[in-house]
Amino acid sequence: MSTKKHIVDYLSETRNRGGSDLHITGDAPPACRINGTLEALADHDISPDEAKELVLGVLSESQRARLEEDLELDFSISIKDIGRFRANAHYVRGSIEGAFRYIPTEIPELAQLGHGPTVSDLCSLRQGLILVTGVTGAGKTTTIASMIQKILRERS
């Protein structure tokens, strides 16, 4: 029986630890982001070939071809009993790396995200453009999903 880990094992461990992201990089241990801090999921580095195998293992043939052509690929995966992840595979110095971000199945209310009445009031606007900006991991996608949920609930 092989003791070799599959990407699903690392994604599961990331979620079990309460992590938001999994990072697969050659010459480093797989790591998960917990409350903004990267924590190693293994006590040893994985090789660039192992990182490549882990990342390519979740891609279809057409996705692999697009990665090879564009040198990066955005995709999503769903794993039963673990969750859905938004992911990016990319080349760094000729090696394939991957980043996987957990997407919660439940959309939180705006107040749960710490937004006050001003953001909530934006959802009642009937025209105009609303820009939601911020750094990676700031909660833009979750905020937009929460706003859409509020609009749909109030206008249905």
Protein backbone atom coordinates (compact mmCIF):
# COMPACT_ATOMS: atom_id res chain seq x y z
CA MET A 1 0.00 0.00 0.00
CA SER A 2 1.36 3.41 -0.99
CA THR A 3 1.91 6.10 1.62
CA LYS A 4 1.98 8.74 -1.12
CA LYS A 5 -0.54 11.53 -0.55
CA HIS A 6 -3.06 12.75 -3.10
CA ILE A 7 -4.21 16.36 -3.40
CA VAL A 8 -7.51 15.31 -1.78
CA ASP A 9 -5.60 14.37 1.40
CA TYR A 10 -4.04 17.82 1.59
CA LEU A 11 -7.34 19.59 0.84
CA SER A 12 -9.06 17.52 3.52
CA GLU A 13 -6.35 18.31 6.06
CA THR A 14 -6.53 22.00 5.15
CA ARG A 15 -10.28 22.05 5.86
CA ASN A 16 -9.91 19.97 9.05
CA ARG A 17 -7.45 22.54 10.39
CA GLY A 18 -9.81 25.40 9.49
CA GLY A 19 -7.59 26.58 6.65
CA SER A 20 -8.75 28.73 3.77
CA ASP A 21 -6.05 27.93 1.19
CA LEU A 22 -3.73 25.12 0.18
CA HIS A 23 -0.41 25.94 -1.50
CA ILE A 24 1.50 23.28 -3.46
CA THR A 25 5.05 24.32 -4.33
CA GLY A 26 8.11 22.28 -5.24
CA ASP A 27 11.04 22.33 -2.80
CA ALA A 28 8.67 23.24 0.07
CA PRO A 29 6.17 21.33 2.18
CA PRO A 30 2.50 21.59 1.17
CA ALA A 31 1.08 24.42 3.27
CA CYS A 32 -2.32 25.69 4.31
CA ARG A 33 -3.29 29.21 5.25
CA ILE A 34 -4.94 29.47 8.66
CA ASN A 35 -6.00 32.93 9.83
CA GLY A 36 -3.57 34.48 7.37
CA THR A 37 -0.55 32.39 8.37
CA LEU A 38 0.94 29.58 6.27
CA GLU A 39 1.39 26.31 8.16
CA ALA A 40 3.22 23.28 6.78
CA LEU A 41 1.14 20.14 6.27
CA ALA A 42 4.19 17.88 6.16
CA ASP A 43 7.56 17.74 7.86
CA HIS A 44 9.36 17.41 4.54
CA ASP A 45 9.55 19.27 1.24
CA ILE A 46 7.93 17.85 -1.86
CA SER A 47 9.93 17.84 -5.06
CA PRO A 48 8.92 19.91 -8.09
CA ASP A 49 7.92 16.63 -9.79
CA GLU A 50 5.68 15.70 -6.84
CA ALA A 51 4.10 19.17 -6.91
CA LYS A 52 3.47 18.77 -10.64
CA GLU A 53 1.91 15.34 -10.10
CA LEU A 54 -0.36 16.63 -7.32
CA VAL A 55 -1.62 19.58 -9.37
CA LEU A 56 -1.95 17.76 -12.70
CA GLY A 57 -3.81 14.96 -10.92
CA VAL A 58 -6.97 17.07 -10.67
CA LEU A 59 -6.91 18.45 -14.23
CA SER A 60 -8.63 17.07 -17.31
CA GLU A 61 -6.65 16.60 -20.53
CA SER A 62 -8.06 19.83 -21.98
CA GLN A 63 -7.16 21.73 -18.80
CA ARG A 64 -3.64 20.32 -18.94
CA ALA A 65 -3.32 21.48 -22.54
CA ARG A 66 -4.51 25.00 -21.61
CA LEU A 67 -2.04 25.12 -18.72
CA GLU A 68 0.77 24.07 -21.03
CA GLU A 69 -0.21 26.71 -23.60
CA ASP A 70 -1.01 29.65 -21.28
CA LEU A 71 1.39 28.73 -18.44
CA GLU A 72 -1.43 29.25 -15.93
CA LEU A 73 -4.98 28.02 -15.44
CA ASP A 74 -7.89 29.08 -13.24
CA PHE A 75 -10.37 26.29 -12.46
CA SER A 76 -12.59 24.92 -9.72
CA ILE A 77 -13.00 21.50 -8.20
CA SER A 78 -15.60 19.93 -5.94
CA ILE A 79 -14.68 17.06 -3.67
CA LYS A 80 -17.40 15.08 -1.93
CA ASP A 81 -17.48 15.58 1.84
CA ILE A 82 -14.67 18.17 1.66
CA GLY A 83 -16.00 21.07 -0.39
CA ARG A 84 -15.56 23.23 -3.41
CA PHE A 85 -12.32 25.02 -4.23
CA ARG A 86 -11.33 27.80 -6.60
CA ALA A 87 -7.87 26.98 -7.88
CA ASN A 88 -4.97 28.26 -9.91
CA ALA A 89 -2.22 26.18 -11.48
CA HIS A 90 0.79 28.02 -12.82
CA TYR A 91 4.42 27.71 -13.81
CA VAL A 92 7.17 29.25 -11.69
CA ARG A 93 10.76 28.89 -12.92
CA GLY A 94 9.67 26.00 -15.15
CA SER A 95 7.86 24.09 -12.38
CA ILE A 96 4.12 23.68 -11.83
CA GLU A 97 2.62 25.00 -8.60
CA GLY A 98 -0.95 25.25 -7.37
CA ALA A 99 -3.11 27.30 -5.04
CA PHE A 100 -6.55 26.12 -3.88
CA ARG A 101 -9.02 28.38 -2.03
CA TYR A 102 -11.99 26.93 -0.17
CA ILE A 103 -15.40 28.27 -1.24
CA PRO A 104 -17.96 28.02 1.57
CA THR A 105 -21.28 26.43 0.61
CA GLU A 106 -23.28 28.77 2.84
CA ILE A 107 -23.30 32.44 1.92
CA PRO A 108 -23.03 34.60 5.04
CA GLU A 109 -25.20 37.66 5.65
CA LEU A 110 -23.57 41.05 5.09
CA ALA A 111 -23.66 41.76 8.84
CA GLN A 112 -21.80 38.49 9.52
CA LEU A 113 -19.04 39.77 7.25
CA GLY A 114 -18.78 42.93 9.31
CA HIS A 115 -20.49 45.21 6.79
CA GLY A 116 -22.69 47.97 8.14
CA PRO A 117 -25.91 49.47 6.82
CA THR A 118 -24.14 51.44 4.08
CA VAL A 119 -23.17 48.29 2.18
CA SER A 120 -26.59 46.79 2.82
CA ASP A 121 -28.25 49.93 1.44
CA LEU A 122 -26.30 49.56 -1.81
CA CYS A 123 -28.36 46.44 -2.49
CA SER A 124 -31.53 48.52 -2.87
CA LEU A 125 -30.11 50.64 -5.69
CA ARG A 126 -31.79 50.10 -9.06
CA GLN A 127 -29.11 51.63 -11.24
CA GLY A 128 -25.44 52.51 -11.19
CA LEU A 129 -22.18 50.68 -10.81
CA ILE A 130 -20.86 49.26 -7.55
CA LEU A 131 -17.17 48.40 -7.36
CA VAL A 132 -16.00 45.90 -4.76
CA THR A 133 -12.23 46.07 -4.52
CA GLY A 134 -9.50 44.75 -2.27
CA VAL A 135 -6.43 42.57 -2.03
CA THR A 136 -6.51 38.82 -2.52
CA GLY A 137 -8.33 37.14 0.32
CA ALA A 138 -10.08 40.32 1.50
CA GLY A 139 -13.55 38.86 0.90
CA LYS A 140 -14.59 40.47 -2.38
CA THR A 141 -16.25 37.36 -3.80
CA THR A 142 -18.01 36.56 -0.52
CA THR A 143 -19.24 40.15 -0.20
CA ILE A 144 -20.61 40.13 -3.75
CA ALA A 145 -22.29 36.75 -3.18
CA SER A 146 -23.87 38.08 0.01
CA MET A 147 -25.08 41.22 -1.77
CA ILE A 148 -26.59 39.16 -4.60
CA GLN A 149 -28.29 36.87 -2.08
CA LYS A 150 -29.82 39.91 -0.33
CA ILE A 151 -31.00 41.43 -3.63
CA LEU A 152 -32.58 38.16 -4.78
CA ARG A 153 -34.28 37.61 -1.44
CA GLU A 154 -35.71 41.15 -1.31
CA ARG A 155 -36.79 41.35 -4.95
CA SER A 156 -38.39 37.92 -5.30
